[in-house]
Amino acid sequence: MPASLFSPIRIGGLDFPNRIAVAPMCQYSADDGVASDWHLQHWMMLAMSGAGMVTVEMTDVERRGRISHGCHGLYSDACEAGARRALDAARRVAAPGTKFGVQLAHAGRKGSCRRPWEGGGPLPAGEDPWQTVSASAIPYAEGWHVPEALDAEGIERVVAAFAAAARRAERAGFDFIELHSAHGYLLNQFLSPLSNRREDAFGGALENRLRLPLAVIAAVRDAAPGLMLGARLSVTEWTEGGITVEEGVAIARAYREAGLAYICASSGGNAPQQKVPTGPGYQVHLAEAVRRGAGIVTRAVGLIDDPRQAEEIVAGGRADMVALGRAFLADPRWVWRAAAALGADFTPPPQYARAAALPRKWVEAA
């Protein structure tokens, strides 16, 4: 029986050759948002992986929306040109049928931080910090910058920034856009009662907390009508008072009704006190809940690195696709190994064909 992981799928008008996705992974290696030579080689490596869906890293829609000084962006002509350069190079070496997307985001109160290998955490006064923004003036954690609560003008500016970045994404040549409304970034901050204590039309009931994300979705759809649109969503926040699975499914349903084609079902990131039961596939049940409860294509993500586990997720109907991050950093030929493990057909680039038999030999010897 053919491997489900290697079966094609159509999402929002786009045809993907398999159910394997590269999850977006921050590289913290841009220069004022502009993709560097690091991105050039990194995107080319991912393009050659054989994954049908490649979503490049969290890409910020304005300078103050970055996590760090090294974050990738699409808020200037230079950013757009850098993304086009790296994407054009990736397409030239990509496996047949590979589709490329960009994850548009705004860090909100989790911005103005050091790169992870510099210690992470808020930038001190001597390292060019900036004023962060959020739904409410509540810092992420003790010792973090206190964000400015966005007023009506600020909210309009954020929506306009997402729309402008979407236009740049379309001109740069991406096939789809993924909106980041997970992991405690700005859209998640508006969705969550942990970070949204507003008393206006953007706070309180879920209907109001959805108002900004839905406005962003509408603006992005209008700005880039030719691109398929999906989102990464924190389906639950793993802490009392935060978004529950039931509420996460309701958000996914609202996103589908607003025109989104898929949900990447993730979780957490908005509360330092969260208690996340991490382990292989620890978020798959969230994808399953969204798929069944919201009626939308779902992508499972989170410590999935075993090909047989990935196959079971898709074959069992728990998710439509699986997304891998660290597994591709550790093994850019993960798709070859998965094909060997599952007995699926996979054709490597002709330049690498002489090595095609090795993954099967390694799998058999394991």
Protein backbone atom coordinates (compact mmCIF):
# COMPACT_ATOMS: atom_id res chain seq x y z
CA MET A 1 0.00 0.00 0.00
CA PRO A 2 1.46 3.43 -0.95
CA ALA A 3 2.68 5.60 1.92
CA SER A 4 0.13 8.27 2.87
CA LEU A 5 2.98 10.65 3.71
CA PHE A 6 4.01 10.66 0.06
CA SER A 7 0.54 11.15 -1.41
CA PRO A 8 -0.28 14.49 -3.04
CA ILE A 9 -2.65 17.03 -1.51
CA ARG A 10 -4.42 20.12 -2.79
CA ILE A 11 -4.78 23.05 -0.37
CA GLY A 12 -6.41 26.34 -1.27
CA GLY A 13 -5.81 25.86 -4.97
CA LEU A 14 -2.17 24.75 -4.58
CA ASP A 15 -1.01 21.22 -5.34
CA PHE A 16 1.64 19.73 -3.06
CA PRO A 17 3.49 16.54 -4.11
CA ASN A 18 3.53 15.09 -0.58
CA ARG A 19 2.33 15.68 2.99
CA ILE A 20 5.74 16.74 4.35
CA ALA A 21 6.30 20.36 5.33
CA VAL A 22 9.29 22.31 6.55
CA ALA A 23 8.18 24.31 9.58
CA PRO A 24 9.25 27.95 9.76
CA MET A 25 12.36 28.36 11.89
CA CYS A 26 13.86 31.71 12.92
CA GLN A 27 17.50 32.08 11.86
CA TYR A 28 18.22 35.47 13.51
CA SER A 29 20.67 36.19 10.70
CA ALA A 30 19.16 39.11 8.79
CA ASP A 31 20.50 42.65 8.53
CA ASP A 32 17.67 45.07 9.41
CA GLY A 33 15.24 42.49 8.10
CA VAL A 34 17.18 41.76 4.90
CA ALA A 35 17.92 38.12 4.07
CA SER A 36 21.65 37.41 4.12
CA ASP A 37 23.89 34.82 2.47
CA TRP A 38 22.95 32.55 5.37
CA HIS A 39 19.34 32.66 4.18
CA LEU A 40 20.46 32.02 0.61
CA GLN A 41 22.09 28.70 1.50
CA HIS A 42 19.47 27.82 4.12
CA TRP A 43 16.48 28.28 1.78
CA MET A 44 18.31 26.41 -0.99
CA MET A 45 18.99 23.53 1.40
CA LEU A 46 15.32 23.36 2.38
CA ALA A 47 14.27 23.60 -1.27
CA MET A 48 16.36 20.54 -2.10
CA SER A 49 14.98 18.53 0.82
CA GLY A 50 12.04 17.04 -1.08
CA ALA A 51 9.43 18.44 1.33
CA GLY A 52 6.39 19.54 -0.64
CA MET A 53 5.72 22.61 1.51
CA VAL A 54 8.50 24.95 2.63
CA THR A 55 7.52 27.83 4.92
CA VAL A 56 10.37 30.23 5.56
CA GLU A 57 10.92 31.71 8.96
CA MET A 58 8.86 34.18 10.97
CA THR A 59 9.05 37.31 8.85
CA ASP A 60 8.12 40.56 10.55
CA VAL A 61 5.85 43.15 9.00
CA GLU A 62 7.53 46.17 10.62
CA ARG A 63 10.81 46.94 12.40
CA ARG A 64 9.22 47.13 15.84
CA GLY A 65 7.61 43.76 15.15
CA ARG A 66 10.93 41.91 15.20
CA ILE A 67 11.99 39.59 18.00
CA SER A 68 15.62 40.61 17.65
CA HIS A 69 17.92 42.77 15.56
CA GLY A 70 18.61 39.67 13.44
CA CYS A 71 15.03 38.83 12.49
CA HIS A 72 13.90 38.55 8.89
CA GLY A 73 11.37 41.09 7.65
CA LEU A 74 9.31 42.28 4.71
CA TYR A 75 8.91 45.94 5.62
CA SER A 76 11.23 47.70 3.14
CA ASP A 77 12.34 47.59 -0.48
CA ALA A 78 15.66 46.12 0.67
CA CYS A 79 13.82 43.35 2.57
CA GLU A 80 11.76 42.55 -0.50
CA ALA A 81 14.83 42.42 -2.75
CA GLY A 82 16.68 40.17 -0.29
CA ALA A 83 13.76 37.76 -0.05
CA ARG A 84 13.41 37.65 -3.83
CA ARG A 85 17.13 36.91 -4.23
CA ALA A 86 17.06 34.01 -1.77
CA LEU A 87 13.75 32.64 -3.04
CA ASP A 88 14.83 32.77 -6.70
CA ALA A 89 17.95 30.78 -5.81
CA ALA A 90 15.88 28.26 -3.85
CA ARG A 91 13.49 27.73 -6.74
CA ARG A 92 16.37 27.03 -9.12
CA VAL A 93 17.40 23.98 -7.09
CA ALA A 94 14.02 22.94 -5.64
CA ALA A 95 12.57 19.46 -5.92
CA PRO A 96 9.71 19.28 -8.48
CA GLY A 97 6.42 20.61 -7.15
CA THR A 98 7.84 22.32 -4.06
CA LYS A 99 5.77 25.30 -2.93
CA PHE A 100 7.21 28.16 -0.88
CA GLY A 101 5.46 30.25 1.73
CA VAL A 102 6.42 32.99 4.15
CA GLN A 103 5.22 33.29 7.72
CA LEU A 104 4.17 36.90 8.32
CA ALA A 105 4.28 37.99 11.94
CA HIS A 106 4.62 40.71 14.55
CA ALA A 107 6.39 39.90 17.81
CA GLY A 108 4.47 42.46 19.88
CA ARG A 109 5.52 42.34 23.55
CA LYS A 110 8.00 39.51 22.83
CA GLY A 111 10.09 41.81 20.66
CA SER A 112 13.22 43.86 21.41
CA CYS A 113 15.18 40.79 22.55
CA ARG A 114 18.67 39.39 22.13
CA ARG A 115 19.32 36.51 19.76
CA PRO A 116 19.07 33.12 21.52
CA TRP A 117 22.83 32.48 21.35
CA GLU A 118 23.40 35.92 22.90
CA GLY A 119 21.34 34.93 25.92
CA GLY A 120 17.85 35.82 24.74
CA GLY A 121 15.65 37.99 26.94
CA PRO A 122 14.99 41.72 26.64
CA LEU A 123 17.61 44.00 25.09
CA PRO A 124 19.32 46.20 27.72
CA ALA A 125 19.62 49.95 27.31
CA GLY A 126 22.99 49.80 25.59
CA GLU A 127 21.89 47.42 22.81
CA ASP A 128 19.40 49.58 20.91
CA PRO A 129 16.10 48.32 22.37
CA TRP A 130 12.78 49.61 21.07
CA GLN A 131 9.32 50.23 22.45
CA THR A 132 7.25 47.08 22.17
CA VAL A 133 3.48 47.02 21.66
CA SER A 134 0.69 44.63 22.61
CA ALA A 135 -3.01 44.32 23.27
CA SER A 136 -2.48 45.57 26.83
CA ALA A 137 0.41 47.10 28.77
CA ILE A 138 1.34 43.78 30.37
CA PRO A 139 4.95 42.53 30.03
CA TYR A 140 5.53 38.93 28.98
CA ALA A 141 7.37 38.16 32.20
CA GLU A 142 9.08 39.86 35.11
CA GLY A 143 11.97 42.00 33.90
CA TRP A 144 10.68 42.25 30.34
CA HIS A 145 9.87 45.52 28.56
CA VAL A 146 6.44 46.92 29.37
CA PRO A 147 4.61 47.12 26.02
CA GLU A 148 2.54 50.03 24.89
CA ALA A 149 -1.14 49.10 24.51
CA LEU A 150 -2.07 49.73 20.90
CA ASP A 151 -4.65 52.46 20.38
CA ALA A 152 -6.98 52.65 17.37
CA GLU A 153 -4.34 54.33 15.22
CA GLY A 154 -1.74 51.75 16.23
CA ILE A 155 -4.07 48.88 15.38
CA GLU A 156 -4.72 50.39 11.96
CA ARG A 157 -0.96 50.69 11.45
CA VAL A 158 -0.42 47.01 12.31
CA VAL A 159 -3.16 45.89 9.91
CA ALA A 160 -1.69 48.09 7.17
CA ALA A 161 1.78 46.67 7.85
CA PHE A 162 0.52 43.10 7.37
CA ALA A 163 -1.14 44.13 4.10
CA ALA A 164 2.01 45.86 2.84
CA ALA A 165 4.15 42.83 3.73
CA ALA A 166 1.67 40.56 1.92
CA ARG A 167 2.05 42.64 -1.25
CA ARG A 168 5.82 42.36 -0.93
CA ALA A 169 5.52 38.60 -0.42
CA GLU A 170 3.53 38.26 -3.63
CA ARG A 171 5.99 40.39 -5.60
CA ALA A 172 8.92 38.41 -4.18
CA GLY A 173 7.38 35.24 -5.62
CA PHE A 174 6.00 33.26 -2.68
CA ASP A 175 3.17 30.79 -3.30
CA PHE A 176 1.41 31.23 0.01
CA ILE A 177 1.35 33.21 3.26
CA GLU A 178 1.15 31.78 6.76
CA LEU A 179 -0.01 34.19 9.47
CA HIS A 180 1.68 33.66 12.82
CA SER A 181 -0.98 33.73 15.52
CA ALA A 182 0.83 31.41 17.91
CA HIS A 183 3.66 31.29 20.46
CA GLY A 184 2.78 34.52 22.23
CA TYR A 185 3.34 36.90 19.33
CA LEU A 186 1.05 39.85 18.62
CA LEU A 187 -1.97 38.13 17.06
CA ASN A 188 -1.84 35.52 19.84
CA GLN A 189 -1.54 38.35 22.39
CA PHE A 190 -4.86 39.76 21.17
CA LEU A 191 -6.50 36.33 21.15
CA SER A 192 -5.44 35.38 24.67
CA PRO A 193 -7.13 36.59 27.87
CA LEU A 194 -3.72 36.25 29.52
CA SER A 195 -2.35 39.20 27.55
CA ASN A 196 -5.53 40.97 26.42
CA ARG A 197 -7.25 42.86 29.24
CA ARG A 198 -8.76 45.51 27.00
CA GLU A 199 -12.18 46.96 27.73
CA ASP A 200 -12.91 48.18 24.22
CA ALA A 201 -14.12 46.38 21.08
CA PHE A 202 -10.86 44.35 20.93
CA GLY A 203 -11.09 42.80 24.38
CA GLY A 204 -13.33 40.65 26.53
CA ALA A 205 -15.35 37.99 24.73
CA LEU A 206 -13.65 35.81 22.11
CA GLU A 207 -15.63 37.59 19.39
CA ASN A 208 -13.85 40.81 20.33
CA ARG A 209 -10.42 39.23 20.82
CA LEU A 210 -10.73 37.82 17.30
CA ARG A 211 -11.28 41.28 15.84
CA LEU A 212 -7.63 42.15 15.10
CA PRO A 213 -6.64 38.73 13.66
CA LEU A 214 -9.72 38.74 11.43
CA ALA A 215 -8.95 42.29 10.28
CA VAL A 216 -5.42 41.17 9.41
CA ILE A 217 -6.76 38.17 7.48
CA ALA A 218 -9.11 40.38 5.47
CA ALA A 219 -6.38 42.93 4.74
CA VAL A 220 -3.88 40.26 3.65
CA ARG A 221 -6.45 38.56 1.41
CA ASP A 222 -7.23 41.88 -0.27
CA ALA A 223 -3.55 42.79 -0.62
CA ALA A 224 -2.39 39.46 -2.08
CA PRO A 225 -5.42 37.75 -3.62
CA GLY A 226 -3.21 35.44 -5.66
CA LEU A 227 -1.66 33.73 -2.64
CA MET A 228 -3.09 30.88 -0.60
CA LEU A 229 -3.45 31.82 3.06
CA GLY A 230 -3.02 29.74 6.22
CA ALA A 231 -2.06 30.30 9.85
CA ARG A 232 -0.11 28.85 12.71
CA LEU A 233 -2.26 28.82 15.83
CA SER A 234 -1.62 28.16 19.50
CA VAL A 235 -4.62 25.89 19.99
CA THR A 236 -4.08 25.86 23.75
CA GLU A 237 -1.85 27.79 26.14
CA TRP A 238 -1.23 25.08 28.74
CA THR A 239 -2.03 27.40 31.64
CA GLU A 240 -5.04 28.39 33.70
CA GLY A 241 -6.92 31.35 32.28
CA GLY A 242 -5.44 30.95 28.81
CA ILE A 243 -6.86 29.68 25.54
CA THR A 244 -8.34 26.20 25.88
CA VAL A 245 -8.54 23.55 23.18
CA GLU A 246 -12.26 24.25 22.77
CA GLU A 247 -11.57 27.94 22.27
CA GLY A 248 -8.68 27.15 19.94
CA VAL A 249 -10.99 25.08 17.75
CA ALA A 250 -13.47 27.98 17.70
CA ILE A 251 -10.68 30.33 16.57
CA ALA A 252 -9.69 27.88 13.82
CA ARG A 253 -13.31 27.72 12.70
CA ALA A 254 -13.48 31.53 12.52
CA TYR A 255 -10.24 31.53 10.52
CA ARG A 256 -11.68 29.02 8.05
CA GLU A 257 -14.81 31.12 7.64
CA ALA A 258 -12.59 34.15 7.00
CA GLY A 259 -10.91 32.36 4.09
CA LEU A 260 -7.92 30.51 5.50
CA ALA A 261 -7.04 27.22 3.81
CA TYR A 262 -5.09 25.47 6.58
CA ILE A 263 -4.07 25.61 10.24
CA CYS A 264 -0.67 24.59 11.59
CA ALA A 265 -1.74 23.40 15.05
CA SER A 266 0.81 24.44 17.65
CA SER A 267 0.48 25.62 21.24
CA GLY A 268 1.80 27.74 24.09
CA GLY A 269 4.38 30.49 24.08
CA ASN A 270 2.36 33.27 25.70
CA ALA A 271 2.94 32.53 29.39
CA PRO A 272 6.22 31.70 31.16
CA GLN A 273 4.26 29.65 33.72
CA GLN A 274 2.94 27.26 31.08
CA LYS A 275 3.32 23.54 31.75
CA VAL A 276 3.81 21.86 28.38
CA PRO A 277 3.99 18.04 28.33
CA THR A 278 6.62 17.90 25.59
CA GLY A 279 7.52 14.68 23.83
CA PRO A 280 7.39 13.17 20.35
CA GLY A 281 4.17 14.31 18.69
CA TYR A 282 2.91 16.06 21.83
CA GLN A 283 0.73 18.45 19.78
CA VAL A 284 -0.80 15.96 17.34
CA HIS A 285 -4.02 15.73 19.36
CA LEU A 286 -4.45 19.47 18.80
CA ALA A 287 -4.26 19.06 15.03
CA GLU A 288 -6.76 16.24 15.28
CA ALA A 289 -9.15 18.39 17.34
CA VAL A 290 -8.91 21.27 14.87
CA ARG A 291 -9.32 19.02 11.84
CA ARG A 292 -12.46 17.46 13.26
CA GLY A 293 -13.94 20.48 15.00
CA ALA A 294 -13.17 23.24 12.51
CA GLY A 295 -13.35 21.36 9.21
CA ILE A 296 -10.08 22.78 7.91
CA VAL A 297 -6.88 21.22 6.56
CA THR A 298 -4.43 20.82 9.42
CA ARG A 299 -0.67 20.49 9.75
CA ALA A 300 0.68 18.67 12.81
CA VAL A 301 3.93 19.96 14.27
CA GLY A 302 6.08 19.44 17.35
CA LEU A 303 8.96 16.98 17.89
CA ILE A 304 7.97 14.80 14.95
CA ASP A 305 11.12 13.23 13.52
CA ASP A 306 10.43 9.51 13.04
CA PRO A 307 9.13 8.66 9.54
CA ARG A 308 6.84 5.91 10.81
CA GLN A 309 5.31 8.23 13.37
CA ALA A 310 4.74 10.84 10.65
CA GLU A 311 3.12 8.19 8.45
CA GLU A 312 0.82 7.07 11.25
CA ILE A 313 -0.34 10.65 11.85
CA VAL A 314 -1.35 11.16 8.24
CA ALA A 315 -2.59 7.63 7.52
CA GLY A 316 -4.67 7.68 10.70
CA GLY A 317 -6.44 10.88 9.69
CA ARG A 318 -5.13 12.83 12.67
CA ALA A 319 -3.70 15.55 10.43
CA ASP A 320 -3.44 16.22 6.70
CA MET A 321 0.27 17.08 6.80
CA VAL A 322 3.20 16.97 9.19
CA ALA A 323 5.70 19.78 9.66
CA LEU A 324 9.27 19.21 10.81
CA GLY A 325 11.79 21.78 11.94
CA ARG A 326 14.81 20.53 13.85
CA ALA A 327 14.69 17.23 11.99
CA PHE A 328 15.50 19.04 8.73
CA LEU A 329 18.30 21.02 10.35
CA ALA A 330 19.84 17.78 11.60
CA ASP A 331 19.17 15.82 8.40
CA PRO A 332 18.44 17.82 5.23
CA ARG A 333 17.83 14.44 3.50
CA TRP A 334 15.09 13.41 5.96
CA VAL A 335 12.64 12.91 3.07
CA TRP A 336 15.03 10.37 1.48
CA ARG A 337 15.20 8.49 4.76
CA ALA A 338 11.42 8.57 5.17
CA ALA A 339 10.93 7.19 1.67
CA ALA A 340 13.37 4.38 2.41
CA ALA A 341 11.70 3.56 5.73
CA LEU A 342 8.21 3.54 4.23
CA GLY A 343 9.06 1.89 0.91
CA ALA A 344 7.94 4.97 -1.02
CA ASP A 345 9.26 6.13 -4.37
CA PHE A 346 11.47 9.20 -4.27
CA THR A 347 13.67 10.59 -7.02
CA PRO A 348 16.67 12.63 -5.82
CA PRO A 349 18.28 15.35 -7.95
CA PRO A 350 20.30 13.72 -10.74
CA GLN A 351 23.48 15.23 -9.33
CA TYR A 352 22.90 13.17 -6.16
CA ALA A 353 21.46 10.04 -7.76
CA ARG A 354 24.59 7.98 -7.01
CA ALA A 355 23.70 8.25 -3.29
CA ALA A 356 20.04 7.27 -3.66
CA ALA A 357 20.50 3.71 -2.45
CA LEU A 358 22.28 4.61 0.78
CA PRO A 359 19.24 5.66 2.89
CA ARG A 360 17.56 2.31 2.26
CA LYS A 361 20.77 0.50 3.20
CA TRP A 362 20.99 2.52 6.42
CA VAL A 363 17.34 1.85 7.27
CA GLU A 364 17.74 -1.88 6.71
CA ALA A 365 20.86 -1.94 8.87
CA ALA A 366 19.23 -0.05 11.74
